[in-house]
Amino acid sequence: MISALVGAACPLIFAVAVLAICALLHRDRRRTAMATTPCRSCRTPKPSRIYLCAGCWAALTAETRRSLNRRDSKALARLRELHQQIDAGVPLAEIGVTP
C-alpha cells in the first residue's frame, strides 16, 4: 500500500519540479534581457532604468547630474536634451541640461 502511494506521488513531484525549473529559467532570461541596455555614450551594458553607465555618469558635471536626478514635470525634457547633446558628439564634461 505504501509503495502504491509513493509510486503515485513520484510523477506529481517530478511535474512540479519541472514547472519550477522552467519558471526560474524564464525569470532569469527576462532579467538578463532587461539588464543589457547599452549606454548611449559608450555602448557598454548598463541597467535599463539608468541613463548612462557609471563611467559616463561620473564624467558629467555635478550640476548636470543633479539636474538629471530631479524628478518633476521637466525630467523627460532634460533627458531628451542629454540625448541630443550625446548624439551631437558633445564631450560628457561639457554637457549641460536646463535645471
N, C-alpha and C. Protein backbone atom coordinates (compact mmCIF):
# COMPACT_ATOMS: atom_id res chain seq x y z
N MET A 1 0.81 -1.19 0.00
CA MET A 1 0.00 0.00 0.00
C MET A 1 0.86 1.27 0.00
N ILE A 2 1.90 1.27 0.81
CA ILE A 2 2.79 2.44 0.87
C ILE A 2 3.53 2.60 -0.46
N SER A 3 3.93 1.49 -1.05
CA SER A 3 4.63 1.59 -2.33
C SER A 3 3.71 2.15 -3.41
N ALA A 4 2.43 1.86 -3.33
CA ALA A 4 1.48 2.41 -4.30
C ALA A 4 1.34 3.92 -4.12
N LEU A 5 1.32 4.39 -2.88
CA LEU A 5 1.22 5.83 -2.63
C LEU A 5 2.49 6.56 -3.10
N VAL A 6 3.64 5.98 -2.82
CA VAL A 6 4.90 6.58 -3.25
C VAL A 6 4.99 6.58 -4.77
N GLY A 7 4.57 5.50 -5.40
CA GLY A 7 4.58 5.41 -6.85
C GLY A 7 3.66 6.42 -7.50
N ALA A 8 2.51 6.72 -6.87
CA ALA A 8 1.57 7.70 -7.41
C ALA A 8 2.07 9.12 -7.21
N ALA A 9 2.82 9.37 -6.14
CA ALA A 9 3.30 10.72 -5.83
C ALA A 9 4.52 11.11 -6.67
N CYS A 10 5.29 10.16 -7.11
CA CYS A 10 6.52 10.47 -7.86
C CYS A 10 6.28 11.27 -9.13
N PRO A 11 5.33 10.90 -9.98
CA PRO A 11 5.10 11.71 -11.19
C PRO A 11 4.65 13.13 -10.87
N LEU A 12 3.86 13.25 -9.81
CA LEU A 12 3.40 14.58 -9.41
C LEU A 12 4.56 15.44 -8.93
N ILE A 13 5.43 14.89 -8.12
CA ILE A 13 6.61 15.62 -7.63
C ILE A 13 7.51 16.00 -8.80
N PHE A 14 7.69 15.08 -9.74
CA PHE A 14 8.51 15.36 -10.91
C PHE A 14 7.93 16.50 -11.74
N ALA A 15 6.61 16.50 -11.95
CA ALA A 15 5.96 17.55 -12.73
C ALA A 15 6.11 18.91 -12.05
N VAL A 16 5.95 18.95 -10.74
CA VAL A 16 6.11 20.21 -10.01
C VAL A 16 7.55 20.71 -10.12
N ALA A 17 8.51 19.81 -10.01
CA ALA A 17 9.92 20.20 -10.12
C ALA A 17 10.23 20.76 -11.50
N VAL A 18 9.70 20.13 -12.53
CA VAL A 18 9.93 20.61 -13.91
C VAL A 18 9.33 22.00 -14.09
N LEU A 19 8.12 22.21 -13.61
CA LEU A 19 7.48 23.52 -13.72
C LEU A 19 8.26 24.59 -12.96
N ALA A 20 8.78 24.25 -11.78
CA ALA A 20 9.55 25.22 -11.00
C ALA A 20 10.84 25.59 -11.72
N ILE A 21 11.50 24.62 -12.30
CA ILE A 21 12.75 24.90 -13.03
C ILE A 21 12.47 25.76 -14.25
N CYS A 22 11.40 25.47 -14.98
CA CYS A 22 11.05 26.28 -16.16
C CYS A 22 10.74 27.72 -15.76
N ALA A 23 10.04 27.89 -14.66
CA ALA A 23 9.72 29.25 -14.20
C ALA A 23 10.98 30.01 -13.82
N LEU A 24 11.91 29.35 -13.14
CA LEU A 24 13.16 30.01 -12.76
C LEU A 24 13.99 30.37 -13.98
N LEU A 25 14.06 29.49 -14.96
CA LEU A 25 14.83 29.80 -16.17
C LEU A 25 14.20 30.95 -16.94
N HIS A 26 12.89 30.99 -17.03
CA HIS A 26 12.22 32.08 -17.72
C HIS A 26 12.47 33.41 -17.01
N ARG A 27 12.43 33.42 -15.69
CA ARG A 27 12.67 34.63 -14.91
C ARG A 27 14.09 35.13 -15.12
N ASP A 28 15.08 34.23 -15.09
CA ASP A 28 16.47 34.63 -15.29
C ASP A 28 16.70 35.16 -16.69
N ARG A 29 16.06 34.57 -17.71
CA ARG A 29 16.22 35.03 -19.08
C ARG A 29 15.66 36.44 -19.23
N ARG A 30 14.49 36.69 -18.62
CA ARG A 30 13.87 38.01 -18.71
C ARG A 30 14.72 39.06 -17.99
N ARG A 31 15.26 38.72 -16.83
CA ARG A 31 16.08 39.66 -16.08
C ARG A 31 17.35 40.00 -16.84
N THR A 32 17.98 39.03 -17.48
CA THR A 32 19.18 39.26 -18.26
C THR A 32 18.90 40.15 -19.46
N ALA A 33 17.77 39.93 -20.11
CA ALA A 33 17.43 40.74 -21.28
C ALA A 33 17.20 42.19 -20.90
N MET A 34 16.64 42.42 -19.74
CA MET A 34 16.37 43.79 -19.31
C MET A 34 17.65 44.51 -18.89
N ALA A 35 18.65 43.77 -18.45
CA ALA A 35 19.85 44.39 -17.91
C ALA A 35 20.89 44.70 -18.98
N THR A 36 20.64 44.42 -20.23
CA THR A 36 21.67 44.59 -21.24
C THR A 36 21.38 45.77 -22.17
N THR A 37 20.89 46.86 -21.63
CA THR A 37 20.67 48.06 -22.43
C THR A 37 22.02 48.77 -22.61
N PRO A 38 22.40 49.15 -23.82
CA PRO A 38 23.70 49.81 -24.00
C PRO A 38 23.66 51.26 -23.56
N CYS A 39 24.78 51.73 -23.04
CA CYS A 39 24.94 53.14 -22.67
C CYS A 39 24.88 53.96 -23.95
N ARG A 40 24.19 55.06 -23.92
CA ARG A 40 24.04 55.89 -25.13
C ARG A 40 25.36 56.50 -25.57
N SER A 41 26.27 56.71 -24.64
CA SER A 41 27.53 57.36 -24.96
C SER A 41 28.62 56.38 -25.41
N CYS A 42 28.85 55.33 -24.61
CA CYS A 42 29.97 54.43 -24.91
C CYS A 42 29.54 53.03 -25.34
N ARG A 43 28.25 52.73 -25.31
CA ARG A 43 27.65 51.47 -25.75
C ARG A 43 27.97 50.27 -24.86
N THR A 44 28.50 50.48 -23.64
CA THR A 44 28.71 49.36 -22.73
C THR A 44 27.39 49.02 -22.05
N PRO A 45 27.19 47.78 -21.62
CA PRO A 45 25.93 47.40 -20.98
C PRO A 45 25.70 48.16 -19.68
N LYS A 46 24.44 48.48 -19.42
CA LYS A 46 24.06 49.20 -18.21
C LYS A 46 22.66 48.75 -17.81
N PRO A 47 22.25 48.98 -16.57
CA PRO A 47 20.87 48.66 -16.18
C PRO A 47 19.88 49.49 -17.00
N SER A 48 18.72 48.94 -17.26
CA SER A 48 17.78 49.57 -18.18
C SER A 48 17.19 50.88 -17.67
N ARG A 49 17.09 51.07 -16.37
CA ARG A 49 16.47 52.28 -15.84
C ARG A 49 17.49 53.37 -15.51
N ILE A 50 18.72 53.20 -15.91
CA ILE A 50 19.79 54.16 -15.66
C ILE A 50 20.10 54.88 -16.97
N TYR A 51 20.32 56.21 -16.90
CA TYR A 51 20.54 56.99 -18.13
C TYR A 51 21.84 56.61 -18.83
N LEU A 52 22.94 56.53 -18.07
CA LEU A 52 24.26 56.24 -18.64
C LEU A 52 24.97 55.22 -17.75
N CYS A 53 26.02 54.60 -18.26
CA CYS A 53 26.81 53.69 -17.43
C CYS A 53 27.52 54.50 -16.35
N ALA A 54 28.07 53.83 -15.37
CA ALA A 54 28.68 54.51 -14.22
C ALA A 54 29.84 55.41 -14.65
N GLY A 55 30.67 54.95 -15.59
CA GLY A 55 31.81 55.76 -16.03
C GLY A 55 31.38 57.03 -16.74
N CYS A 56 30.39 56.93 -17.60
CA CYS A 56 29.91 58.11 -18.33
C CYS A 56 29.15 59.05 -17.38
N TRP A 57 28.40 58.48 -16.45
CA TRP A 57 27.68 59.30 -15.48
C TRP A 57 28.66 60.12 -14.64
N ALA A 58 29.77 59.50 -14.24
CA ALA A 58 30.78 60.20 -13.44
C ALA A 58 31.47 61.30 -14.25
N ALA A 59 31.50 61.16 -15.57
CA ALA A 59 32.16 62.15 -16.41
C ALA A 59 31.31 63.43 -16.56
N LEU A 60 30.01 63.35 -16.27
CA LEU A 60 29.17 64.54 -16.32
C LEU A 60 29.50 65.46 -15.15
N THR A 61 29.20 66.74 -15.30
CA THR A 61 29.44 67.67 -14.18
C THR A 61 28.42 67.39 -13.08
N ALA A 62 28.76 67.80 -11.88
CA ALA A 62 27.87 67.58 -10.73
C ALA A 62 26.54 68.29 -10.93
N GLU A 63 26.57 69.48 -11.50
CA GLU A 63 25.33 70.23 -11.74
C GLU A 63 24.42 69.49 -12.72
N THR A 64 25.01 68.92 -13.77
CA THR A 64 24.23 68.17 -14.75
C THR A 64 23.62 66.93 -14.11
N ARG A 65 24.41 66.22 -13.30
CA ARG A 65 23.89 65.03 -12.62
C ARG A 65 22.74 65.39 -11.69
N ARG A 66 22.87 66.50 -10.95
CA ARG A 66 21.78 66.93 -10.06
C ARG A 66 20.51 67.24 -10.85
N SER A 67 20.68 67.92 -11.97
CA SER A 67 19.52 68.24 -12.80
C SER A 67 18.84 66.99 -13.34
N LEU A 68 19.64 66.01 -13.78
CA LEU A 68 19.08 64.78 -14.33
C LEU A 68 18.44 63.91 -13.24
N ASN A 69 18.89 64.04 -12.01
CA ASN A 69 18.31 63.27 -10.91
C ASN A 69 16.98 63.84 -10.43
N ARG A 70 16.69 65.07 -10.74
CA ARG A 70 15.46 65.71 -10.30
C ARG A 70 14.26 65.07 -10.99
N ARG A 71 13.26 64.67 -10.21
CA ARG A 71 12.05 64.04 -10.74
C ARG A 71 10.90 65.03 -10.66
N ASP A 72 10.61 65.66 -11.78
CA ASP A 72 9.49 66.60 -11.85
C ASP A 72 8.91 66.56 -13.27
N SER A 73 8.09 67.52 -13.60
CA SER A 73 7.43 67.51 -14.91
C SER A 73 8.40 67.77 -16.06
N LYS A 74 9.58 68.30 -15.78
CA LYS A 74 10.56 68.60 -16.84
C LYS A 74 11.65 67.54 -16.98
N ALA A 75 11.52 66.43 -16.26
CA ALA A 75 12.56 65.39 -16.28
C ALA A 75 12.75 64.79 -17.67
N LEU A 76 11.66 64.52 -18.37
CA LEU A 76 11.77 63.94 -19.71
C LEU A 76 12.43 64.92 -20.68
N ALA A 77 12.14 66.20 -20.54
CA ALA A 77 12.76 67.20 -21.41
C ALA A 77 14.27 67.27 -21.16
N ARG A 78 14.67 67.15 -19.90
CA ARG A 78 16.11 67.15 -19.59
C ARG A 78 16.78 65.91 -20.17
N LEU A 79 16.11 64.75 -20.10
CA LEU A 79 16.67 63.53 -20.66
C LEU A 79 16.82 63.65 -22.17
N ARG A 80 15.82 64.22 -22.83
CA ARG A 80 15.92 64.43 -24.28
C ARG A 80 17.07 65.37 -24.61
N GLU A 81 17.24 66.39 -23.81
CA GLU A 81 18.34 67.34 -24.02
C GLU A 81 19.69 66.63 -23.87
N LEU A 82 19.80 65.76 -22.87
CA LEU A 82 21.03 64.97 -22.69
C LEU A 82 21.28 64.11 -23.92
N HIS A 83 20.26 63.40 -24.38
CA HIS A 83 20.42 62.52 -25.54
C HIS A 83 20.80 63.31 -26.80
N GLN A 84 20.21 64.48 -27.00
CA GLN A 84 20.55 65.30 -28.17
C GLN A 84 22.01 65.71 -28.14
N GLN A 85 22.50 66.08 -26.98
CA GLN A 85 23.90 66.51 -26.88
C GLN A 85 24.86 65.34 -27.06
N ILE A 86 24.51 64.18 -26.52
CA ILE A 86 25.36 63.00 -26.71
C ILE A 86 25.40 62.63 -28.19
N ASP A 87 24.23 62.62 -28.83
CA ASP A 87 24.17 62.28 -30.27
C ASP A 87 24.91 63.30 -31.13
N ALA A 88 24.98 64.56 -30.68
CA ALA A 88 25.69 65.59 -31.43
C ALA A 88 27.21 65.52 -31.20
N GLY A 89 27.67 64.66 -30.29
CA GLY A 89 29.09 64.50 -30.07
C GLY A 89 29.68 65.45 -29.04
N VAL A 90 28.87 66.08 -28.24
CA VAL A 90 29.38 66.98 -27.20
C VAL A 90 30.10 66.13 -26.14
N PRO A 91 31.33 66.50 -25.73
CA PRO A 91 32.02 65.76 -24.68
C PRO A 91 31.19 65.75 -23.39
N LEU A 92 31.24 64.64 -22.68
CA LEU A 92 30.41 64.49 -21.47
C LEU A 92 30.69 65.56 -20.44
N ALA A 93 31.94 65.98 -20.31
CA ALA A 93 32.29 67.00 -19.32
C ALA A 93 31.72 68.38 -19.66
N GLU A 94 31.30 68.56 -20.91
CA GLU A 94 30.77 69.85 -21.35
C GLU A 94 29.25 69.87 -21.49
N ILE A 95 28.60 68.72 -21.25
CA ILE A 95 27.15 68.66 -21.39
C ILE A 95 26.50 69.39 -20.23
N GLY A 96 25.52 70.18 -20.56
CA GLY A 96 24.72 70.88 -19.55
C GLY A 96 23.26 70.79 -19.93
N VAL A 97 22.40 70.54 -18.96
CA VAL A 97 20.97 70.49 -19.22
C VAL A 97 20.30 71.56 -18.38
N THR A 98 19.12 72.00 -18.82
CA THR A 98 18.42 73.04 -18.09
C THR A 98 17.98 72.51 -16.73
N PRO A 99 18.10 73.32 -15.69
CA PRO A 99 17.74 72.85 -14.34
C PRO A 99 16.28 72.61 -14.13
